[in-house]
Amino acid sequence: MLLPLSGSPQTAAVAKGMKQAAELALFELEAPSLQLLVKDDKGTEEGARAAAEEAIKGGAELIIGPLFAK
């Protein structure tokens, strides 16, 4: 999941809420085979690209985000 965790205070608050919602959903699902990886995209196109590349290198099979995309 790509989120702007280090963006502006308002954006970071939304990102934190989305992260917590994803964690809660994963907990409710009770699927131990799923792992949530959260990467900070810094709210920029360059940050999103770097975060996606890092997630792929980390074994991500599905990427959700970035929150702000053109």
PDB file of N, CA and C in Angstrom:
ATOM      1  N   MET A   1       0.853  -1.154   0.000  1.00  0.00           N
ATOM      2  CA  MET A   1       0.000   0.000   0.000  1.00  0.00           C
ATOM      3  C   MET A   1       0.904   1.223   0.000  1.00  0.00           C
ATOM      4  N   LEU A   2       0.722   2.087  -0.986  1.00  0.00           N
ATOM      5  CA  LEU A   2       1.516   3.299  -1.105  1.00  0.00           C
ATOM      6  C   LEU A   2       0.716   4.473  -0.551  1.00  0.00           C
ATOM      7  N   LEU A   3       1.250   5.105   0.489  1.00  0.00           N
ATOM      8  CA  LEU A   3       0.551   6.205   1.146  1.00  0.00           C
ATOM      9  C   LEU A   3       1.500   7.367   1.420  1.00  0.00           C
ATOM     10  N   PRO A   4       0.984   8.601   1.384  1.00  0.00           N
ATOM     11  CA  PRO A   4       1.818   9.771   1.657  1.00  0.00           C
ATOM     12  C   PRO A   4       1.979  10.016   3.161  1.00  0.00           C
ATOM     13  N   LEU A   5       2.672   9.133   3.827  1.00  0.00           N
ATOM     14  CA  LEU A   5       2.808   9.212   5.280  1.00  0.00           C
ATOM     15  C   LEU A   5       3.615  10.425   5.740  1.00  0.00           C
ATOM     16  N   SER A   6       4.521  10.908   4.903  1.00  0.00           N
ATOM     17  CA  SER A   6       5.329  12.065   5.296  1.00  0.00           C
ATOM     18  C   SER A   6       4.940  13.306   4.498  1.00  0.00           C
ATOM     19  N   GLY A   7       3.708  13.342   4.029  1.00  0.00           N
ATOM     20  CA  GLY A   7       3.218  14.511   3.300  1.00  0.00           C
ATOM     21  C   GLY A   7       2.828  15.613   4.265  1.00  0.00           C
ATOM     22  N   SER A   8       1.998  16.531   3.808  1.00  0.00           N
ATOM     23  CA  SER A   8       1.524  17.613   4.674  1.00  0.00           C
ATOM     24  C   SER A   8       0.780  17.004   5.867  1.00  0.00           C
ATOM     25  N   PRO A   9       0.643  17.748   6.941  1.00  0.00           N
ATOM     26  CA  PRO A   9      -0.043  17.195   8.126  1.00  0.00           C
ATOM     27  C   PRO A   9      -1.441  16.638   7.825  1.00  0.00           C
ATOM     28  N   GLN A  10      -2.218  17.338   7.001  1.00  0.00           N
ATOM     29  CA  GLN A  10      -3.559  16.864   6.667  1.00  0.00           C
ATOM     30  C   GLN A  10      -3.487  15.574   5.842  1.00  0.00           C
ATOM     31  N   THR A  11      -2.591  15.548   4.872  1.00  0.00           N
ATOM     32  CA  THR A  11      -2.435  14.374   4.021  1.00  0.00           C
ATOM     33  C   THR A  11      -1.926  13.189   4.831  1.00  0.00           C
ATOM     34  N   ALA A  12      -0.963  13.443   5.698  1.00  0.00           N
ATOM     35  CA  ALA A  12      -0.412  12.377   6.534  1.00  0.00           C
ATOM     36  C   ALA A  12      -1.486  11.794   7.454  1.00  0.00           C
ATOM     37  N   ALA A  13      -2.386  12.642   7.942  1.00  0.00           N
ATOM     38  CA  ALA A  13      -3.466  12.159   8.810  1.00  0.00           C
ATOM     39  C   ALA A  13      -4.410  11.237   8.038  1.00  0.00           C
ATOM     40  N   VAL A  14      -4.724  11.596   6.803  1.00  0.00           N
ATOM     41  CA  VAL A  14      -5.572  10.742   5.958  1.00  0.00           C
ATOM     42  C   VAL A  14      -4.848   9.428   5.671  1.00  0.00           C
ATOM     43  N   ALA A  15      -3.564   9.518   5.364  1.00  0.00           N
ATOM     44  CA  ALA A  15      -2.772   8.321   5.080  1.00  0.00           C
ATOM     45  C   ALA A  15      -2.730   7.393   6.290  1.00  0.00           C
ATOM     46  N   LYS A  16      -2.553   7.968   7.468  1.00  0.00           N
ATOM     47  CA  LYS A  16      -2.520   7.167   8.695  1.00  0.00           C
ATOM     48  C   LYS A  16      -3.856   6.452   8.900  1.00  0.00           C
ATOM     49  N   GLY A  17      -4.951   7.170   8.660  1.00  0.00           N
ATOM     50  CA  GLY A  17      -6.279   6.565   8.789  1.00  0.00           C
ATOM     51  C   GLY A  17      -6.485   5.429   7.805  1.00  0.00           C
ATOM     52  N   MET A  18      -6.011   5.613   6.579  1.00  0.00           N
ATOM     53  CA  MET A  18      -6.148   4.553   5.576  1.00  0.00           C
ATOM     54  C   MET A  18      -5.300   3.336   5.951  1.00  0.00           C
ATOM     55  N   LYS A  19      -4.127   3.582   6.479  1.00  0.00           N
ATOM     56  CA  LYS A  19      -3.256   2.484   6.933  1.00  0.00           C
ATOM     57  C   LYS A  19      -3.938   1.702   8.055  1.00  0.00           C
ATOM     58  N   GLN A  20      -4.501   2.416   9.010  1.00  0.00           N
ATOM     59  CA  GLN A  20      -5.184   1.767  10.128  1.00  0.00           C
ATOM     60  C   GLN A  20      -6.405   0.988   9.647  1.00  0.00           C
ATOM     61  N   ALA A  21      -7.134   1.523   8.677  1.00  0.00           N
ATOM     62  CA  ALA A  21      -8.299   0.827   8.126  1.00  0.00           C
ATOM     63  C   ALA A  21      -7.873  -0.462   7.431  1.00  0.00           C
ATOM     64  N   ALA A  22      -6.778  -0.402   6.689  1.00  0.00           N
ATOM     65  CA  ALA A  22      -6.277  -1.608   6.013  1.00  0.00           C
ATOM     66  C   ALA A  22      -5.828  -2.646   7.030  1.00  0.00           C
ATOM     67  N   GLU A  23      -5.169  -2.198   8.088  1.00  0.00           N
ATOM     68  CA  GLU A  23      -4.738  -3.126   9.138  1.00  0.00           C
ATOM     69  C   GLU A  23      -5.943  -3.787   9.807  1.00  0.00           C
ATOM     70  N   LEU A  24      -6.973  -3.008  10.084  1.00  0.00           N
ATOM     71  CA  LEU A  24      -8.185  -3.545  10.701  1.00  0.00           C
ATOM     72  C   LEU A  24      -8.861  -4.551   9.770  1.00  0.00           C
ATOM     73  N   ALA A  25      -8.948  -4.209   8.491  1.00  0.00           N
ATOM     74  CA  ALA A  25      -9.567  -5.125   7.526  1.00  0.00           C
ATOM     75  C   ALA A  25      -8.797  -6.432   7.448  1.00  0.00           C
ATOM     76  N   LEU A  26      -7.484  -6.351   7.455  1.00  0.00           N
ATOM     77  CA  LEU A  26      -6.657  -7.556   7.396  1.00  0.00           C
ATOM     78  C   LEU A  26      -6.833  -8.390   8.664  1.00  0.00           C
ATOM     79  N   PHE A  27      -6.926  -7.722   9.807  1.00  0.00           N
ATOM     80  CA  PHE A  27      -7.152  -8.409  11.071  1.00  0.00           C
ATOM     81  C   PHE A  27      -8.503  -9.122  11.060  1.00  0.00           C
ATOM     82  N   GLU A  28      -9.533  -8.446  10.568  1.00  0.00           N
ATOM     83  CA  GLU A  28     -10.878  -9.027  10.510  1.00  0.00           C
ATOM     84  C   GLU A  28     -10.950 -10.208   9.550  1.00  0.00           C
ATOM     85  N   LEU A  29     -10.121 -10.178   8.520  1.00  0.00           N
ATOM     86  CA  LEU A  29     -10.119 -11.229   7.512  1.00  0.00           C
ATOM     87  C   LEU A  29      -9.558 -12.536   8.057  1.00  0.00           C
ATOM     88  N   GLU A  30      -8.718 -12.434   9.062  1.00  0.00           N
ATOM     89  CA  GLU A  30      -8.076 -13.599   9.671  1.00  0.00           C
ATOM     90  C   GLU A  30      -7.413 -14.482   8.613  1.00  0.00           C
ATOM     91  N   ALA A  31      -6.599 -13.864   7.778  1.00  0.00           N
ATOM     92  CA  ALA A  31      -5.879 -14.577   6.716  1.00  0.00           C
ATOM     93  C   ALA A  31      -4.382 -14.440   6.974  1.00  0.00           C
ATOM     94  N   PRO A  32      -3.818 -15.380   7.722  1.00  0.00           N
ATOM     95  CA  PRO A  32      -2.397 -15.264   8.067  1.00  0.00           C
ATOM     96  C   PRO A  32      -1.457 -15.312   6.864  1.00  0.00           C
ATOM     97  N   SER A  33      -1.953 -15.737   5.720  1.00  0.00           N
ATOM     98  CA  SER A  33      -1.087 -15.805   4.544  1.00  0.00           C
ATOM     99  C   SER A  33      -0.929 -14.444   3.867  1.00  0.00           C
ATOM    100  N   LEU A  34      -1.724 -13.443   4.276  1.00  0.00           N
ATOM    101  CA  LEU A  34      -1.621 -12.103   3.705  1.00  0.00           C
ATOM    102  C   LEU A  34      -0.763 -11.224   4.601  1.00  0.00           C
ATOM    103  N   GLN A  35       0.055 -10.413   3.966  1.00  0.00           N
ATOM    104  CA  GLN A  35       0.895  -9.473   4.699  1.00  0.00           C
ATOM    105  C   GLN A  35       0.709  -8.090   4.108  1.00  0.00           C
ATOM    106  N   LEU A  36       0.545  -7.104   4.952  1.00  0.00           N
ATOM    107  CA  LEU A  36       0.376  -5.724   4.508  1.00  0.00           C
ATOM    108  C   LEU A  36       1.715  -5.020   4.597  1.00  0.00           C
ATOM    109  N   LEU A  37       2.195  -4.536   3.463  1.00  0.00           N
ATOM    110  CA  LEU A  37       3.412  -3.733   3.416  1.00  0.00           C
ATOM    111  C   LEU A  37       2.993  -2.309   3.087  1.00  0.00           C
ATOM    112  N   VAL A  38       3.367  -1.363   3.918  1.00  0.00           N
ATOM    113  CA  VAL A  38       3.019   0.031   3.689  1.00  0.00           C
ATOM    114  C   VAL A  38       4.302   0.789   3.367  1.00  0.00           C
ATOM    115  N   LYS A  39       4.290   1.490   2.249  1.00  0.00           N
ATOM    116  CA  LYS A  39       5.448   2.275   1.812  1.00  0.00           C
ATOM    117  C   LYS A  39       5.052   3.739   1.714  1.00  0.00           C
ATOM    118  N   ASP A  40       5.939   4.614   2.163  1.00  0.00           N
ATOM    119  CA  ASP A  40       5.701   6.054   2.107  1.00  0.00           C
ATOM    120  C   ASP A  40       6.042   6.569   0.715  1.00  0.00           C
ATOM    121  N   ASP A  41       5.042   7.137   0.027  1.00  0.00           N
ATOM    122  CA  ASP A  41       5.291   7.685  -1.309  1.00  0.00           C
ATOM    123  C   ASP A  41       5.567   9.188  -1.259  1.00  0.00           C
ATOM    124  N   LYS A  42       5.607   9.741  -0.060  1.00  0.00           N
ATOM    125  CA  LYS A  42       5.917  11.149   0.174  1.00  0.00           C
ATOM    126  C   LYS A  42       4.973  12.121  -0.536  1.00  0.00           C
ATOM    127  N   GLY A  43       3.892  11.613  -1.106  1.00  0.00           N
ATOM    128  CA  GLY A  43       2.921  12.465  -1.774  1.00  0.00           C
ATOM    129  C   GLY A  43       3.404  13.036  -3.097  1.00  0.00           C
ATOM    130  N   THR A  44       4.429  12.418  -3.665  1.00  0.00           N
ATOM    131  CA  THR A  44       4.964  12.902  -4.941  1.00  0.00           C
ATOM    132  C   THR A  44       5.007  11.774  -5.965  1.00  0.00           C
ATOM    133  N   GLU A  45       5.064  12.158  -7.226  1.00  0.00           N
ATOM    134  CA  GLU A  45       5.162  11.166  -8.294  1.00  0.00           C
ATOM    135  C   GLU A  45       6.467  10.373  -8.171  1.00  0.00           C
ATOM    136  N   GLU A  46       7.553  11.067  -7.895  1.00  0.00           N
ATOM    137  CA  GLU A  46       8.848  10.399  -7.750  1.00  0.00           C
ATOM    138  C   GLU A  46       8.846   9.461  -6.545  1.00  0.00           C
ATOM    139  N   GLY A  47       8.256   9.920  -5.457  1.00  0.00           N
ATOM    140  CA  GLY A  47       8.167   9.091  -4.260  1.00  0.00           C
ATOM    141  C   GLY A  47       7.315   7.857  -4.492  1.00  0.00           C
ATOM    142  N   ALA A  48       6.229   8.014  -5.250  1.00  0.00           N
ATOM    143  CA  ALA A  48       5.361   6.873  -5.554  1.00  0.00           C
ATOM    144  C   ALA A  48       6.094   5.853  -6.405  1.00  0.00           C
ATOM    145  N   ARG A  49       6.843   6.332  -7.382  1.00  0.00           N
ATOM    146  CA  ARG A  49       7.613   5.427  -8.236  1.00  0.00           C
ATOM    147  C   ARG A  49       8.638   4.650  -7.399  1.00  0.00           C
ATOM    148  N   ALA A  50       9.361   5.354  -6.543  1.00  0.00           N
ATOM    149  CA  ALA A  50      10.367   4.712  -5.698  1.00  0.00           C
ATOM    150  C   ALA A  50       9.725   3.720  -4.725  1.00  0.00           C
ATOM    151  N   ALA A  51       8.596   4.103  -4.141  1.00  0.00           N
ATOM    152  CA  ALA A  51       7.906   3.219  -3.193  1.00  0.00           C
ATOM    153  C   ALA A  51       7.389   1.972  -3.896  1.00  0.00           C
ATOM    154  N   ALA A  52       6.864   2.122  -5.110  1.00  0.00           N
ATOM    155  CA  ALA A  52       6.372   0.968  -5.867  1.00  0.00           C
ATOM    156  C   ALA A  52       7.516   0.029  -6.212  1.00  0.00           C
ATOM    157  N   GLU A  53       8.632   0.585  -6.636  1.00  0.00           N
ATOM    158  CA  GLU A  53       9.792  -0.251  -6.955  1.00  0.00           C
ATOM    159  C   GLU A  53      10.278  -0.999  -5.720  1.00  0.00           C
ATOM    160  N   GLU A  54      10.297  -0.313  -4.580  1.00  0.00           N
ATOM    161  CA  GLU A  54      10.710  -0.938  -3.325  1.00  0.00           C
ATOM    162  C   GLU A  54       9.740  -2.053  -2.929  1.00  0.00           C
ATOM    163  N   ALA A  55       8.448  -1.817  -3.112  1.00  0.00           N
ATOM    164  CA  ALA A  55       7.445  -2.831  -2.779  1.00  0.00           C
ATOM    165  C   ALA A  55       7.604  -4.064  -3.664  1.00  0.00           C
ATOM    166  N   ILE A  56       7.841  -3.842  -4.944  1.00  0.00           N
ATOM    167  CA  ILE A  56       8.023  -4.969  -5.868  1.00  0.00           C
ATOM    168  C   ILE A  56       9.264  -5.770  -5.482  1.00  0.00           C
ATOM    169  N   LYS A  57      10.339  -5.075  -5.167  1.00  0.00           N
ATOM    170  CA  LYS A  57      11.565  -5.761  -4.731  1.00  0.00           C
ATOM    171  C   LYS A  57      11.332  -6.531  -3.443  1.00  0.00           C
ATOM    172  N   GLY A  58      10.406  -6.046  -2.618  1.00  0.00           N
ATOM    173  CA  GLY A  58      10.075  -6.706  -1.362  1.00  0.00           C
ATOM    174  C   GLY A  58       9.105  -7.864  -1.522  1.00  0.00           C
ATOM    175  N   GLY A  59       8.693  -8.147  -2.768  1.00  0.00           N
ATOM    176  CA  GLY A  59       7.831  -9.299  -3.019  1.00  0.00           C
ATOM    177  C   GLY A  59       6.350  -8.982  -3.142  1.00  0.00           C
ATOM    178  N   ALA A  60       5.983  -7.727  -3.239  1.00  0.00           N
ATOM    179  CA  ALA A  60       4.561  -7.373  -3.346  1.00  0.00           C
ATOM    180  C   ALA A  60       3.949  -7.971  -4.604  1.00  0.00           C
ATOM    181  N   GLU A  61       2.770  -8.535  -4.446  1.00  0.00           N
ATOM    182  CA  GLU A  61       2.031  -9.104  -5.574  1.00  0.00           C
ATOM    183  C   GLU A  61       0.882  -8.188  -5.999  1.00  0.00           C
ATOM    184  N   LEU A  62       0.484  -7.293  -5.123  1.00  0.00           N
ATOM    185  CA  LEU A  62      -0.600  -6.346  -5.386  1.00  0.00           C
ATOM    186  C   LEU A  62      -0.223  -5.018  -4.752  1.00  0.00           C
ATOM    187  N   ILE A  63      -0.357  -3.937  -5.510  1.00  0.00           N
ATOM    188  CA  ILE A  63      -0.048  -2.616  -4.977  1.00  0.00           C
ATOM    189  C   ILE A  63      -1.322  -1.769  -5.016  1.00  0.00           C
ATOM    190  N   ILE A  64      -1.648  -1.195  -3.863  1.00  0.00           N
ATOM    191  CA  ILE A  64      -2.792  -0.289  -3.758  1.00  0.00           C
ATOM    192  C   ILE A  64      -2.210   1.111  -3.556  1.00  0.00           C
ATOM    193  N   GLY A  65      -2.570   2.025  -4.432  1.00  0.00           N
ATOM    194  CA  GLY A  65      -2.061   3.380  -4.332  1.00  0.00           C
ATOM    195  C   GLY A  65      -1.301   3.729  -5.588  1.00  0.00           C
ATOM    196  N   PRO A  66      -0.773   4.879  -5.639  1.00  0.00           N
ATOM    197  CA  PRO A  66      -0.707   5.913  -4.603  1.00  0.00           C
ATOM    198  C   PRO A  66      -2.049   6.629  -4.430  1.00  0.00           C
ATOM    199  N   LEU A  67      -2.167   7.308  -3.322  1.00  0.00           N
ATOM    200  CA  LEU A  67      -3.402   8.018  -3.017  1.00  0.00           C
ATOM    201  C   LEU A  67      -3.640   9.158  -3.997  1.00  0.00           C
ATOM    202  N   PHE A  68      -2.577   9.877  -4.334  1.00  0.00           N
ATOM    203  CA  PHE A  68      -2.679  10.973  -5.301  1.00  0.00           C
ATOM    204  C   PHE A  68      -1.973  10.563  -6.576  1.00  0.00           C
ATOM    205  N   ALA A  69      -2.722  10.296  -7.608  1.00  0.00           N
ATOM    206  CA  ALA A  69      -2.142   9.881  -8.891  1.00  0.00           C
ATOM    207  C   ALA A  69      -2.788  10.660 -10.011  1.00  0.00           C
ATOM    208  N   LYS A  70      -1.999  10.937 -11.014  1.00  0.00           N
ATOM    209  CA  LYS A  70      -2.516  11.626 -12.184  1.00  0.00           C
ATOM    210  C   LYS A  70      -2.986  10.613 -13.206  1.00  0.00           C
TER     211      LYS A  70
END
